[in-house]
Each structure stands twice: as structure tokens, then as C-alpha cells.
Amino acid sequence: MRKPRDFDSEMKALNQRAKLLKERKLHQLGELVIACGADALPIEVLAGVMRAAVEMKDTATVEGWRKQGAAFFQSTGRRAPRRNRGDARGAPAGDGGTKPAAGDARAQ
């Protein structure tokens, strides 16, 4: 006879994983605000700009923003070190809290 699954412990593990992913997302959004230089804006302006972007219906404008964002992540002149570029494209993230070593080719 097969051993029954422990659904309670599986649910607990899944909930813990979801919490960690939400924390990582929040941390990465904060890093993005800083890397873009948007941390210099007053919080009210930043919130207004983000709300306007979310409510934007003009696909041409949104596509232009997407292209600028893609160029930002591919540029080498950013202030923040480049880590796992897959994060911006929806790929699984690596360790969100580590920076590449000084000799890492991706950091240049």
C-alpha cells in the first residue's frame, strides 16, 4: 500500500515559497526604481507616473516604453550591476540577493 501524501505540509511549503517569491519581487522592484534613477523623484510623482502607465491604452506608446526598457536592460552604462537578465523577460530568477563576482563577464 502506498504512503498517503501529507497535503498539509505540502501546502505549508507552497505558501512559504509563494511568500519568498513575493518578497523577492518586491525587492527587485525596489532595485529597478533605484537603477532607473526614479528614486530621485518625489513619491507622489513616481506613483502618478506608474498609475498612468498602467492605465495607458495607446499600444504604440506602450510599445515605445517596452523598447526603451529592453534597451535599458541591455545597456552597459547602467549604474546597477547586471545580474540575471532573464528576470526581465520572465525567466526564473537566480538568487536575487547576490551580486556577480568582480571577474564575472556579465558584470561588465
PDB file of N, CA and C in Angstrom:
ATOM      1  N   MET A   1       0.837  -1.177   0.000  1.00  0.00           N
ATOM      2  CA  MET A   1       0.000   0.000   0.000  1.00  0.00           C
ATOM      3  C   MET A   1       0.884   1.243   0.000  1.00  0.00           C
ATOM      4  N   ARG A   2       0.451   2.229  -0.783  1.00  0.00           N
ATOM      5  CA  ARG A   2       1.224   3.458  -0.913  1.00  0.00           C
ATOM      6  C   ARG A   2       1.074   4.352   0.306  1.00  0.00           C
ATOM      7  N   LYS A   3       2.144   5.078   0.605  1.00  0.00           N
ATOM      8  CA  LYS A   3       2.116   6.033   1.709  1.00  0.00           C
ATOM      9  C   LYS A   3       1.248   7.231   1.318  1.00  0.00           C
ATOM     10  N   PRO A   4       0.318   7.644   2.171  1.00  0.00           N
ATOM     11  CA  PRO A   4      -0.530   8.795   1.832  1.00  0.00           C
ATOM     12  C   PRO A   4       0.287  10.087   1.809  1.00  0.00           C
ATOM     13  N   ARG A   5      -0.135  11.005   0.927  1.00  0.00           N
ATOM     14  CA  ARG A   5       0.551  12.296   0.821  1.00  0.00           C
ATOM     15  C   ARG A   5       0.178  13.174   2.006  1.00  0.00           C
ATOM     16  N   ASP A   6       1.140  13.951   2.434  1.00  0.00           N
ATOM     17  CA  ASP A   6       0.908  14.899   3.525  1.00  0.00           C
ATOM     18  C   ASP A   6       0.566  16.250   2.911  1.00  0.00           C
ATOM     19  N   PHE A   7      -0.721  16.458   2.638  1.00  0.00           N
ATOM     20  CA  PHE A   7      -1.160  17.682   1.973  1.00  0.00           C
ATOM     21  C   PHE A   7      -0.905  18.919   2.820  1.00  0.00           C
ATOM     22  N   ASP A   8      -1.020  18.795   4.117  1.00  0.00           N
ATOM     23  CA  ASP A   8      -0.795  19.952   4.982  1.00  0.00           C
ATOM     24  C   ASP A   8       0.630  20.475   4.867  1.00  0.00           C
ATOM     25  N   SER A   9       1.594  19.565   4.906  1.00  0.00           N
ATOM     26  CA  SER A   9       2.986  20.010   4.812  1.00  0.00           C
ATOM     27  C   SER A   9       3.295  20.530   3.410  1.00  0.00           C
ATOM     28  N   GLU A  10       2.688  19.930   2.370  1.00  0.00           N
ATOM     29  CA  GLU A  10       2.893  20.419   1.013  1.00  0.00           C
ATOM     30  C   GLU A  10       2.323  21.829   0.852  1.00  0.00           C
ATOM     31  N   MET A  11       1.139  22.065   1.409  1.00  0.00           N
ATOM     32  CA  MET A  11       0.538  23.399   1.345  1.00  0.00           C
ATOM     33  C   MET A  11       1.370  24.420   2.114  1.00  0.00           C
ATOM     34  N   LYS A  12       1.898  24.010   3.246  1.00  0.00           N
ATOM     35  CA  LYS A  12       2.736  24.908   4.036  1.00  0.00           C
ATOM     36  C   LYS A  12       3.995  25.281   3.241  1.00  0.00           C
ATOM     37  N   ALA A  13       4.603  24.292   2.581  1.00  0.00           N
ATOM     38  CA  ALA A  13       5.806  24.548   1.785  1.00  0.00           C
ATOM     39  C   ALA A  13       5.483  25.461   0.598  1.00  0.00           C
ATOM     40  N   LEU A  14       4.343  25.230  -0.047  1.00  0.00           N
ATOM     41  CA  LEU A  14       3.958  26.077  -1.178  1.00  0.00           C
ATOM     42  C   LEU A  14       3.677  27.507  -0.730  1.00  0.00           C
ATOM     43  N   ASN A  15       3.017  27.672   0.389  1.00  0.00           N
ATOM     44  CA  ASN A  15       2.738  29.016   0.909  1.00  0.00           C
ATOM     45  C   ASN A  15       4.027  29.745   1.272  1.00  0.00           C
ATOM     46  N   GLN A  16       4.981  29.008   1.850  1.00  0.00           N
ATOM     47  CA  GLN A  16       6.267  29.610   2.201  1.00  0.00           C
ATOM     48  C   GLN A  16       7.014  30.032   0.933  1.00  0.00           C
ATOM     49  N   ARG A  17       6.963  29.195  -0.095  1.00  0.00           N
ATOM     50  CA  ARG A  17       7.622  29.514  -1.362  1.00  0.00           C
ATOM     51  C   ARG A  17       6.980  30.750  -2.001  1.00  0.00           C
ATOM     52  N   ALA A  18       5.646  30.833  -1.965  1.00  0.00           N
ATOM     53  CA  ALA A  18       4.939  31.991  -2.525  1.00  0.00           C
ATOM     54  C   ALA A  18       5.332  33.263  -1.788  1.00  0.00           C
ATOM     55  N   LYS A  19       5.471  33.181  -0.473  1.00  0.00           N
ATOM     56  CA  LYS A  19       5.865  34.349   0.317  1.00  0.00           C
ATOM     57  C   LYS A  19       7.274  34.810  -0.072  1.00  0.00           C
ATOM     58  N   LEU A  20       8.187  33.855  -0.239  1.00  0.00           N
ATOM     59  CA  LEU A  20       9.554  34.201  -0.637  1.00  0.00           C
ATOM     60  C   LEU A  20       9.587  34.849  -2.027  1.00  0.00           C
ATOM     61  N   LEU A  21       8.774  34.324  -2.948  1.00  0.00           N
ATOM     62  CA  LEU A  21       8.730  34.897  -4.292  1.00  0.00           C
ATOM     63  C   LEU A  21       8.163  36.313  -4.275  1.00  0.00           C
ATOM     64  N   LYS A  22       7.152  36.563  -3.462  1.00  0.00           N
ATOM     65  CA  LYS A  22       6.594  37.911  -3.345  1.00  0.00           C
ATOM     66  C   LYS A  22       7.621  38.871  -2.763  1.00  0.00           C
ATOM     67  N   GLU A  23       8.379  38.424  -1.763  1.00  0.00           N
ATOM     68  CA  GLU A  23       9.418  39.270  -1.172  1.00  0.00           C
ATOM     69  C   GLU A  23      10.512  39.574  -2.190  1.00  0.00           C
ATOM     70  N   ARG A  24      10.900  38.574  -2.974  1.00  0.00           N
ATOM     71  CA  ARG A  24      11.937  38.777  -3.992  1.00  0.00           C
ATOM     72  C   ARG A  24      11.454  39.771  -5.051  1.00  0.00           C
ATOM     73  N   LYS A  25      10.196  39.634  -5.468  1.00  0.00           N
ATOM     74  CA  LYS A  25       9.632  40.560  -6.456  1.00  0.00           C
ATOM     75  C   LYS A  25       9.643  41.985  -5.933  1.00  0.00           C
ATOM     76  N   LEU A  26       9.238  42.167  -4.694  1.00  0.00           N
ATOM     77  CA  LEU A  26       9.226  43.494  -4.089  1.00  0.00           C
ATOM     78  C   LEU A  26      10.641  44.077  -4.031  1.00  0.00           C
ATOM     79  N   HIS A  27      11.601  43.260  -3.643  1.00  0.00           N
ATOM     80  CA  HIS A  27      12.993  43.698  -3.564  1.00  0.00           C
ATOM     81  C   HIS A  27      13.514  44.093  -4.949  1.00  0.00           C
ATOM     82  N   GLN A  28      13.193  43.291  -5.954  1.00  0.00           N
ATOM     83  CA  GLN A  28      13.670  43.576  -7.307  1.00  0.00           C
ATOM     84  C   GLN A  28      13.010  44.829  -7.881  1.00  0.00           C
ATOM     85  N   LEU A  29      11.747  45.067  -7.546  1.00  0.00           N
ATOM     86  CA  LEU A  29      11.102  46.308  -7.987  1.00  0.00           C
ATOM     87  C   LEU A  29      11.784  47.521  -7.368  1.00  0.00           C
ATOM     88  N   GLY A  30      12.158  47.412  -6.104  1.00  0.00           N
ATOM     89  CA  GLY A  30      12.894  48.494  -5.458  1.00  0.00           C
ATOM     90  C   GLY A  30      14.244  48.732  -6.122  1.00  0.00           C
ATOM     91  N   GLU A  31      14.927  47.642  -6.462  1.00  0.00           N
ATOM     92  CA  GLU A  31      16.210  47.773  -7.154  1.00  0.00           C
ATOM     93  C   GLU A  31      16.037  48.434  -8.514  1.00  0.00           C
ATOM     94  N   LEU A  32      14.945  48.117  -9.200  1.00  0.00           N
ATOM     95  CA  LEU A  32      14.683  48.703 -10.507  1.00  0.00           C
ATOM     96  C   LEU A  32      14.433  50.204 -10.397  1.00  0.00           C
ATOM     97  N   VAL A  33      13.686  50.615  -9.397  1.00  0.00           N
ATOM     98  CA  VAL A  33      13.428  52.041  -9.181  1.00  0.00           C
ATOM     99  C   VAL A  33      14.744  52.776  -8.966  1.00  0.00           C
ATOM    100  N   ILE A  34      15.620  52.201  -8.180  1.00  0.00           N
ATOM    101  CA  ILE A  34      16.918  52.820  -7.906  1.00  0.00           C
ATOM    102  C   ILE A  34      17.795  52.822  -9.153  1.00  0.00           C
ATOM    103  N   ALA A  35      17.827  51.692  -9.884  1.00  0.00           N
ATOM    104  CA  ALA A  35      18.670  51.591 -11.073  1.00  0.00           C
ATOM    105  C   ALA A  35      18.242  52.581 -12.153  1.00  0.00           C
ATOM    106  N   CYS A  36      16.955  52.851 -12.250  1.00  0.00           N
ATOM    107  CA  CYS A  36      16.441  53.802 -13.247  1.00  0.00           C
ATOM    108  C   CYS A  36      16.659  55.247 -12.828  1.00  0.00           C
ATOM    109  N   GLY A  37      16.994  55.462 -11.567  1.00  0.00           N
ATOM    110  CA  GLY A  37      17.148  56.817 -11.068  1.00  0.00           C
ATOM    111  C   GLY A  37      15.830  57.422 -10.618  1.00  0.00           C
ATOM    112  N   ALA A  38      14.773  56.611 -10.593  1.00  0.00           N
ATOM    113  CA  ALA A  38      13.453  57.112 -10.213  1.00  0.00           C
ATOM    114  C   ALA A  38      13.338  57.370  -8.719  1.00  0.00           C
ATOM    115  N   ASP A  39      14.309  56.924  -7.948  1.00  0.00           N
ATOM    116  CA  ASP A  39      14.280  57.184  -6.504  1.00  0.00           C
ATOM    117  C   ASP A  39      14.513  58.667  -6.204  1.00  0.00           C
ATOM    118  N   ALA A  40      14.958  59.426  -7.205  1.00  0.00           N
ATOM    119  CA  ALA A  40      15.160  60.863  -7.019  1.00  0.00           C
ATOM    120  C   ALA A  40      13.848  61.641  -7.154  1.00  0.00           C
ATOM    121  N   LEU A  41      12.830  60.993  -7.711  1.00  0.00           N
ATOM    122  CA  LEU A  41      11.528  61.649  -7.873  1.00  0.00           C
ATOM    123  C   LEU A  41      10.756  61.629  -6.558  1.00  0.00           C
ATOM    124  N   PRO A  42       9.920  62.641  -6.345  1.00  0.00           N
ATOM    125  CA  PRO A  42       9.032  62.578  -5.181  1.00  0.00           C
ATOM    126  C   PRO A  42       8.101  61.371  -5.311  1.00  0.00           C
ATOM    127  N   ILE A  43       7.770  60.755  -4.208  1.00  0.00           N
ATOM    128  CA  ILE A  43       6.968  59.532  -4.210  1.00  0.00           C
ATOM    129  C   ILE A  43       5.626  59.737  -4.901  1.00  0.00           C
ATOM    130  N   GLU A  44       5.041  60.927  -4.764  1.00  0.00           N
ATOM    131  CA  GLU A  44       3.756  61.203  -5.397  1.00  0.00           C
ATOM    132  C   GLU A  44       3.875  61.201  -6.917  1.00  0.00           C
ATOM    133  N   VAL A  45       4.976  61.768  -7.431  1.00  0.00           N
ATOM    134  CA  VAL A  45       5.207  61.800  -8.876  1.00  0.00           C
ATOM    135  C   VAL A  45       5.422  60.383  -9.391  1.00  0.00           C
ATOM    136  N   LEU A  46       6.233  59.614  -8.702  1.00  0.00           N
ATOM    137  CA  LEU A  46       6.500  58.239  -9.103  1.00  0.00           C
ATOM    138  C   LEU A  46       5.216  57.418  -9.132  1.00  0.00           C
ATOM    139  N   ALA A  47       4.387  57.561  -8.116  1.00  0.00           N
ATOM    140  CA  ALA A  47       3.113  56.833  -8.074  1.00  0.00           C
ATOM    141  C   ALA A  47       2.202  57.272  -9.222  1.00  0.00           C
ATOM    142  N   GLY A  48       2.163  58.562  -9.502  1.00  0.00           N
ATOM    143  CA  GLY A  48       1.336  59.061 -10.593  1.00  0.00           C
ATOM    144  C   GLY A  48       1.789  58.551 -11.947  1.00  0.00           C
ATOM    145  N   VAL A  49       3.093  58.526 -12.162  1.00  0.00           N
ATOM    146  CA  VAL A  49       3.635  58.028 -13.429  1.00  0.00           C
ATOM    147  C   VAL A  49       3.315  56.547 -13.596  1.00  0.00           C
ATOM    148  N   MET A  50       3.485  55.785 -12.548  1.00  0.00           N
ATOM    149  CA  MET A  50       3.201  54.347 -12.643  1.00  0.00           C
ATOM    150  C   MET A  50       1.722  54.087 -12.885  1.00  0.00           C
ATOM    151  N   ARG A  51       0.853  54.841 -12.225  1.00  0.00           N
ATOM    152  CA  ARG A  51      -0.599  54.680 -12.444  1.00  0.00           C
ATOM    153  C   ARG A  51      -0.967  55.041 -13.875  1.00  0.00           C
ATOM    154  N   ALA A  52      -0.369  56.101 -14.407  1.00  0.00           N
ATOM    155  CA  ALA A  52      -0.642  56.494 -15.788  1.00  0.00           C
ATOM    156  C   ALA A  52      -0.175  55.412 -16.757  1.00  0.00           C
ATOM    157  N   ALA A  53       0.952  54.789 -16.473  1.00  0.00           N
ATOM    158  CA  ALA A  53       1.462  53.721 -17.331  1.00  0.00           C
ATOM    159  C   ALA A  53       0.536  52.510 -17.307  1.00  0.00           C
ATOM    160  N   VAL A  54       0.035  52.170 -16.140  1.00  0.00           N
ATOM    161  CA  VAL A  54      -0.863  51.027 -16.019  1.00  0.00           C
ATOM    162  C   VAL A  54      -2.168  51.284 -16.770  1.00  0.00           C
ATOM    163  N   GLU A  55      -2.646  52.520 -16.741  1.00  0.00           N
ATOM    164  CA  GLU A  55      -3.920  52.863 -17.368  1.00  0.00           C
ATOM    165  C   GLU A  55      -3.781  53.208 -18.848  1.00  0.00           C
ATOM    166  N   MET A  56      -2.559  53.266 -19.371  1.00  0.00           N
ATOM    167  CA  MET A  56      -2.313  53.652 -20.761  1.00  0.00           C
ATOM    168  C   MET A  56      -2.938  52.626 -21.705  1.00  0.00           C
ATOM    169  N   LYS A  57      -3.717  53.114 -22.655  1.00  0.00           N
ATOM    170  CA  LYS A  57      -4.381  52.247 -23.634  1.00  0.00           C
ATOM    171  C   LYS A  57      -3.724  52.326 -25.008  1.00  0.00           C
ATOM    172  N   ASP A  58      -2.896  53.351 -25.248  1.00  0.00           N
ATOM    173  CA  ASP A  58      -2.243  53.538 -26.544  1.00  0.00           C
ATOM    174  C   ASP A  58      -1.127  52.513 -26.700  1.00  0.00           C
ATOM    175  N   THR A  59      -1.339  51.531 -27.570  1.00  0.00           N
ATOM    176  CA  THR A  59      -0.370  50.445 -27.710  1.00  0.00           C
ATOM    177  C   THR A  59       0.959  50.917 -28.291  1.00  0.00           C
ATOM    178  N   ALA A  60       0.927  51.951 -29.137  1.00  0.00           N
ATOM    179  CA  ALA A  60       2.173  52.463 -29.712  1.00  0.00           C
ATOM    180  C   ALA A  60       3.059  53.076 -28.622  1.00  0.00           C
ATOM    181  N   THR A  61       2.453  53.808 -27.695  1.00  0.00           N
ATOM    182  CA  THR A  61       3.210  54.404 -26.593  1.00  0.00           C
ATOM    183  C   THR A  61       3.778  53.319 -25.686  1.00  0.00           C
ATOM    184  N   VAL A  62       2.960  52.336 -25.378  1.00  0.00           N
ATOM    185  CA  VAL A  62       3.407  51.243 -24.515  1.00  0.00           C
ATOM    186  C   VAL A  62       4.531  50.465 -25.188  1.00  0.00           C
ATOM    187  N   GLU A  63       4.433  50.240 -26.498  1.00  0.00           N
ATOM    188  CA  GLU A  63       5.488  49.541 -27.228  1.00  0.00           C
ATOM    189  C   GLU A  63       6.784  50.349 -27.202  1.00  0.00           C
ATOM    190  N   GLY A  64       6.690  51.672 -27.303  1.00  0.00           N
ATOM    191  CA  GLY A  64       7.878  52.522 -27.199  1.00  0.00           C
ATOM    192  C   GLY A  64       8.527  52.405 -25.835  1.00  0.00           C
ATOM    193  N   TRP A  65       7.701  52.378 -24.797  1.00  0.00           N
ATOM    194  CA  TRP A  65       8.231  52.198 -23.436  1.00  0.00           C
ATOM    195  C   TRP A  65       8.897  50.834 -23.288  1.00  0.00           C
ATOM    196  N   ARG A  66       8.281  49.808 -23.898  1.00  0.00           N
ATOM    197  CA  ARG A  66       8.846  48.465 -23.808  1.00  0.00           C
ATOM    198  C   ARG A  66      10.226  48.426 -24.455  1.00  0.00           C
ATOM    199  N   LYS A  67      10.346  49.067 -25.613  1.00  0.00           N
ATOM    200  CA  LYS A  67      11.636  49.094 -26.311  1.00  0.00           C
ATOM    201  C   LYS A  67      12.687  49.840 -25.491  1.00  0.00           C
ATOM    202  N   GLN A  68      12.292  50.954 -24.882  1.00  0.00           N
ATOM    203  CA  GLN A  68      13.227  51.695 -24.024  1.00  0.00           C
ATOM    204  C   GLN A  68      13.650  50.841 -22.831  1.00  0.00           C
ATOM    205  N   GLY A  69      12.705  50.120 -22.265  1.00  0.00           N
ATOM    206  CA  GLY A  69      13.025  49.243 -21.133  1.00  0.00           C
ATOM    207  C   GLY A  69      13.971  48.125 -21.530  1.00  0.00           C
ATOM    208  N   ALA A  70      13.717  47.529 -22.693  1.00  0.00           N
ATOM    209  CA  ALA A  70      14.600  46.463 -23.169  1.00  0.00           C
ATOM    210  C   ALA A  70      16.006  47.006 -23.408  1.00  0.00           C
ATOM    211  N   ALA A  71      16.084  48.206 -23.981  1.00  0.00           N
ATOM    212  CA  ALA A  71      17.398  48.821 -24.213  1.00  0.00           C
ATOM    213  C   ALA A  71      18.097  49.112 -22.886  1.00  0.00           C
ATOM    214  N   PHE A  72      17.331  49.509 -21.874  1.00  0.00           N
ATOM    215  CA  PHE A  72      17.910  49.782 -20.558  1.00  0.00           C
ATOM    216  C   PHE A  72      18.554  48.536 -19.981  1.00  0.00           C
ATOM    217  N   PHE A  73      17.866  47.405 -20.092  1.00  0.00           N
ATOM    218  CA  PHE A  73      18.402  46.168 -19.529  1.00  0.00           C
ATOM    219  C   PHE A  73      19.581  45.633 -20.332  1.00  0.00           C
ATOM    220  N   GLN A  74      19.676  46.010 -21.589  1.00  0.00           N
ATOM    221  CA  GLN A  74      20.790  45.539 -22.413  1.00  0.00           C
ATOM    222  C   GLN A  74      21.976  46.498 -22.418  1.00  0.00           C
ATOM    223  N   SER A  75      21.771  47.714 -21.913  1.00  0.00           N
ATOM    224  CA  SER A  75      22.848  48.701 -21.945  1.00  0.00           C
ATOM    225  C   SER A  75      23.943  48.342 -20.946  1.00  0.00           C
ATOM    226  N   THR A  76      25.132  48.824 -21.224  1.00  0.00           N
ATOM    227  CA  THR A  76      26.247  48.582 -20.310  1.00  0.00           C
ATOM    228  C   THR A  76      26.523  49.791 -19.442  1.00  0.00           C
ATOM    229  N   GLY A  77      25.848  50.900 -19.690  1.00  0.00           N
ATOM    230  CA  GLY A  77      26.106  52.127 -18.953  1.00  0.00           C
ATOM    231  C   GLY A  77      25.224  52.287 -17.724  1.00  0.00           C
ATOM    232  N   ARG A  78      24.558  51.240 -17.306  1.00  0.00           N
ATOM    233  CA  ARG A  78      23.695  51.339 -16.136  1.00  0.00           C
ATOM    234  C   ARG A  78      24.516  51.496 -14.873  1.00  0.00           C
ATOM    235  N   ARG A  79      23.880  52.088 -13.879  1.00  0.00           N
ATOM    236  CA  ARG A  79      24.545  52.238 -12.576  1.00  0.00           C
ATOM    237  C   ARG A  79      24.554  50.921 -11.813  1.00  0.00           C
ATOM    238  N   ALA A  80      23.479  50.159 -11.899  1.00  0.00           N
ATOM    239  CA  ALA A  80      23.376  48.904 -11.148  1.00  0.00           C
ATOM    240  C   ALA A  80      24.095  47.798 -11.914  1.00  0.00           C
ATOM    241  N   PRO A  81      24.713  46.860 -11.213  1.00  0.00           N
ATOM    242  CA  PRO A  81      25.402  45.769 -11.896  1.00  0.00           C
ATOM    243  C   PRO A  81      24.392  44.847 -12.569  1.00  0.00           C
ATOM    244  N   ARG A  82      24.760  44.311 -13.697  1.00  0.00           N
ATOM    245  CA  ARG A  82      23.890  43.396 -14.430  1.00  0.00           C
ATOM    246  C   ARG A  82      24.011  42.012 -13.801  1.00  0.00           C
ATOM    247  N   ARG A  83      22.876  41.443 -13.489  1.00  0.00           N
ATOM    248  CA  ARG A  83      22.873  40.096 -12.917  1.00  0.00           C
ATOM    249  C   ARG A  83      22.165  39.164 -13.885  1.00  0.00           C
ATOM    250  N   ASN A  84      21.131  38.540 -13.477  1.00  0.00           N
ATOM    251  CA  ASN A  84      20.423  37.596 -14.314  1.00  0.00           C
ATOM    252  C   ASN A  84      19.445  38.355 -15.202  1.00  0.00           C
ATOM    253  N   ARG A  85      19.831  38.580 -16.468  1.00  0.00           N
ATOM    254  CA  ARG A  85      18.984  39.340 -17.372  1.00  0.00           C
ATOM    255  C   ARG A  85      17.702  38.604 -17.681  1.00  0.00           C
ATOM    256  N   GLY A  86      17.633  37.332 -17.386  1.00  0.00           N
ATOM    257  CA  GLY A  86      16.422  36.570 -17.622  1.00  0.00           C
ATOM    258  C   GLY A  86      15.266  37.039 -16.765  1.00  0.00           C
ATOM    259  N   ASP A  87      15.534  37.686 -15.633  1.00  0.00           N
ATOM    260  CA  ASP A  87      14.475  38.169 -14.750  1.00  0.00           C
ATOM    261  C   ASP A  87      13.541  39.113 -15.479  1.00  0.00           C
ATOM    262  N   ALA A  88      14.083  39.973 -16.328  1.00  0.00           N
ATOM    263  CA  ALA A  88      13.273  40.970 -17.007  1.00  0.00           C
ATOM    264  C   ALA A  88      12.393  40.333 -18.072  1.00  0.00           C
ATOM    265  N   ARG A  89      12.732  39.156 -18.512  1.00  0.00           N
ATOM    266  CA  ARG A  89      11.977  38.503 -19.576  1.00  0.00           C
ATOM    267  C   ARG A  89      11.070  37.412 -19.040  1.00  0.00           C
ATOM    268  N   GLY A  90      10.920  37.298 -17.732  1.00  0.00           N
ATOM    269  CA  GLY A  90      10.009  36.329 -17.150  1.00  0.00           C
ATOM    270  C   GLY A  90      10.629  34.966 -16.905  1.00  0.00           C
ATOM    271  N   ALA A  91      11.912  34.814 -17.119  1.00  0.00           N
ATOM    272  CA  ALA A  91      12.564  33.550 -16.853  1.00  0.00           C
ATOM    273  C   ALA A  91      12.758  33.394 -15.351  1.00  0.00           C
ATOM    274  N   PRO A  92      12.981  32.190 -14.897  1.00  0.00           N
ATOM    275  CA  PRO A  92      13.192  32.003 -13.466  1.00  0.00           C
ATOM    276  C   PRO A  92      14.374  32.816 -12.974  1.00  0.00           C
ATOM    277  N   ALA A  93      14.207  33.404 -11.837  1.00  0.00           N
ATOM    278  CA  ALA A  93      15.246  34.251 -11.275  1.00  0.00           C
ATOM    279  C   ALA A  93      16.274  33.403 -10.550  1.00  0.00           C
ATOM    280  N   GLY A  94      17.498  33.899 -10.531  1.00  0.00           N
ATOM    281  CA  GLY A  94      18.537  33.275  -9.735  1.00  0.00           C
ATOM    282  C   GLY A  94      18.411  33.767  -8.313  1.00  0.00           C
ATOM    283  N   ASP A  95      19.502  33.797  -7.592  1.00  0.00           N
ATOM    284  CA  ASP A  95      19.488  34.317  -6.230  1.00  0.00           C
ATOM    285  C   ASP A  95      19.390  35.827  -6.315  1.00  0.00           C
ATOM    286  N   GLY A  96      18.276  36.414  -5.882  1.00  0.00           N
ATOM    287  CA  GLY A  96      18.036  37.843  -6.023  1.00  0.00           C
ATOM    288  C   GLY A  96      18.909  38.707  -5.147  1.00  0.00           C
ATOM    289  N   GLY A  97      19.623  38.131  -4.183  1.00  0.00           N
ATOM    290  CA  GLY A  97      20.367  38.961  -3.263  1.00  0.00           C
ATOM    291  C   GLY A  97      21.865  38.956  -3.471  1.00  0.00           C
ATOM    292  N   THR A  98      22.363  38.250  -4.478  1.00  0.00           N
ATOM    293  CA  THR A  98      23.800  38.198  -4.654  1.00  0.00           C
ATOM    294  C   THR A  98      24.214  39.029  -5.852  1.00  0.00           C
ATOM    295  N   LYS A  99      25.432  39.536  -5.795  1.00  0.00           N
ATOM    296  CA  LYS A  99      25.995  40.307  -6.893  1.00  0.00           C
ATOM    297  C   LYS A  99      27.058  39.445  -7.551  1.00  0.00           C
ATOM    298  N   PRO A 100      27.291  39.641  -8.856  1.00  0.00           N
ATOM    299  CA  PRO A 100      28.311  38.847  -9.531  1.00  0.00           C
ATOM    300  C   PRO A 100      29.705  39.206  -9.028  1.00  0.00           C
ATOM    301  N   ALA A 101      30.598  38.240  -9.122  1.00  0.00           N
ATOM    302  CA  ALA A 101      31.976  38.467  -8.707  1.00  0.00           C
ATOM    303  C   ALA A 101      32.625  39.482  -9.635  1.00  0.00           C
ATOM    304  N   ALA A 102      33.694  40.100  -9.176  1.00  0.00           N
ATOM    305  CA  ALA A 102      34.365  41.149  -9.949  1.00  0.00           C
ATOM    306  C   ALA A 102      34.847  40.617 -11.297  1.00  0.00           C
ATOM    307  N   GLY A 103      35.206  39.356 -11.383  1.00  0.00           N
ATOM    308  CA  GLY A 103      35.684  38.781 -12.623  1.00  0.00           C
ATOM    309  C   GLY A 103      34.589  38.234 -13.501  1.00  0.00           C
ATOM    310  N   ASP A 104      33.340  38.314 -13.084  1.00  0.00           N
ATOM    311  CA  ASP A 104      32.221  37.789 -13.860  1.00  0.00           C
ATOM    312  C   ASP A 104      32.012  38.637 -15.103  1.00  0.00           C
ATOM    313  N   ALA A 105      31.974  38.019 -16.268  1.00  0.00           N
ATOM    314  CA  ALA A 105      31.851  38.747 -17.524  1.00  0.00           C
ATOM    315  C   ALA A 105      30.514  39.476 -17.632  1.00  0.00           C
ATOM    316  N   ARG A 106      29.478  38.969 -16.976  1.00  0.00           N
ATOM    317  CA  ARG A 106      28.179  39.622 -17.057  1.00  0.00           C
ATOM    318  C   ARG A 106      28.165  40.947 -16.314  1.00  0.00           C
ATOM    319  N   ALA A 107      29.059  41.158 -15.387  1.00  0.00           N
ATOM    320  CA  ALA A 107      29.066  42.384 -14.570  1.00  0.00           C
ATOM    321  C   ALA A 107      29.670  43.556 -15.326  1.00  0.00           C
ATOM    322  N   GLN A 108      30.275  43.315 -16.493  1.00  0.00           N
ATOM    323  CA  GLN A 108      30.934  44.393 -17.226  1.00  0.00           C
ATOM    324  C   GLN A 108      30.060  44.980 -18.273  1.00  0.00           C
TER     325      GLN A 108
END
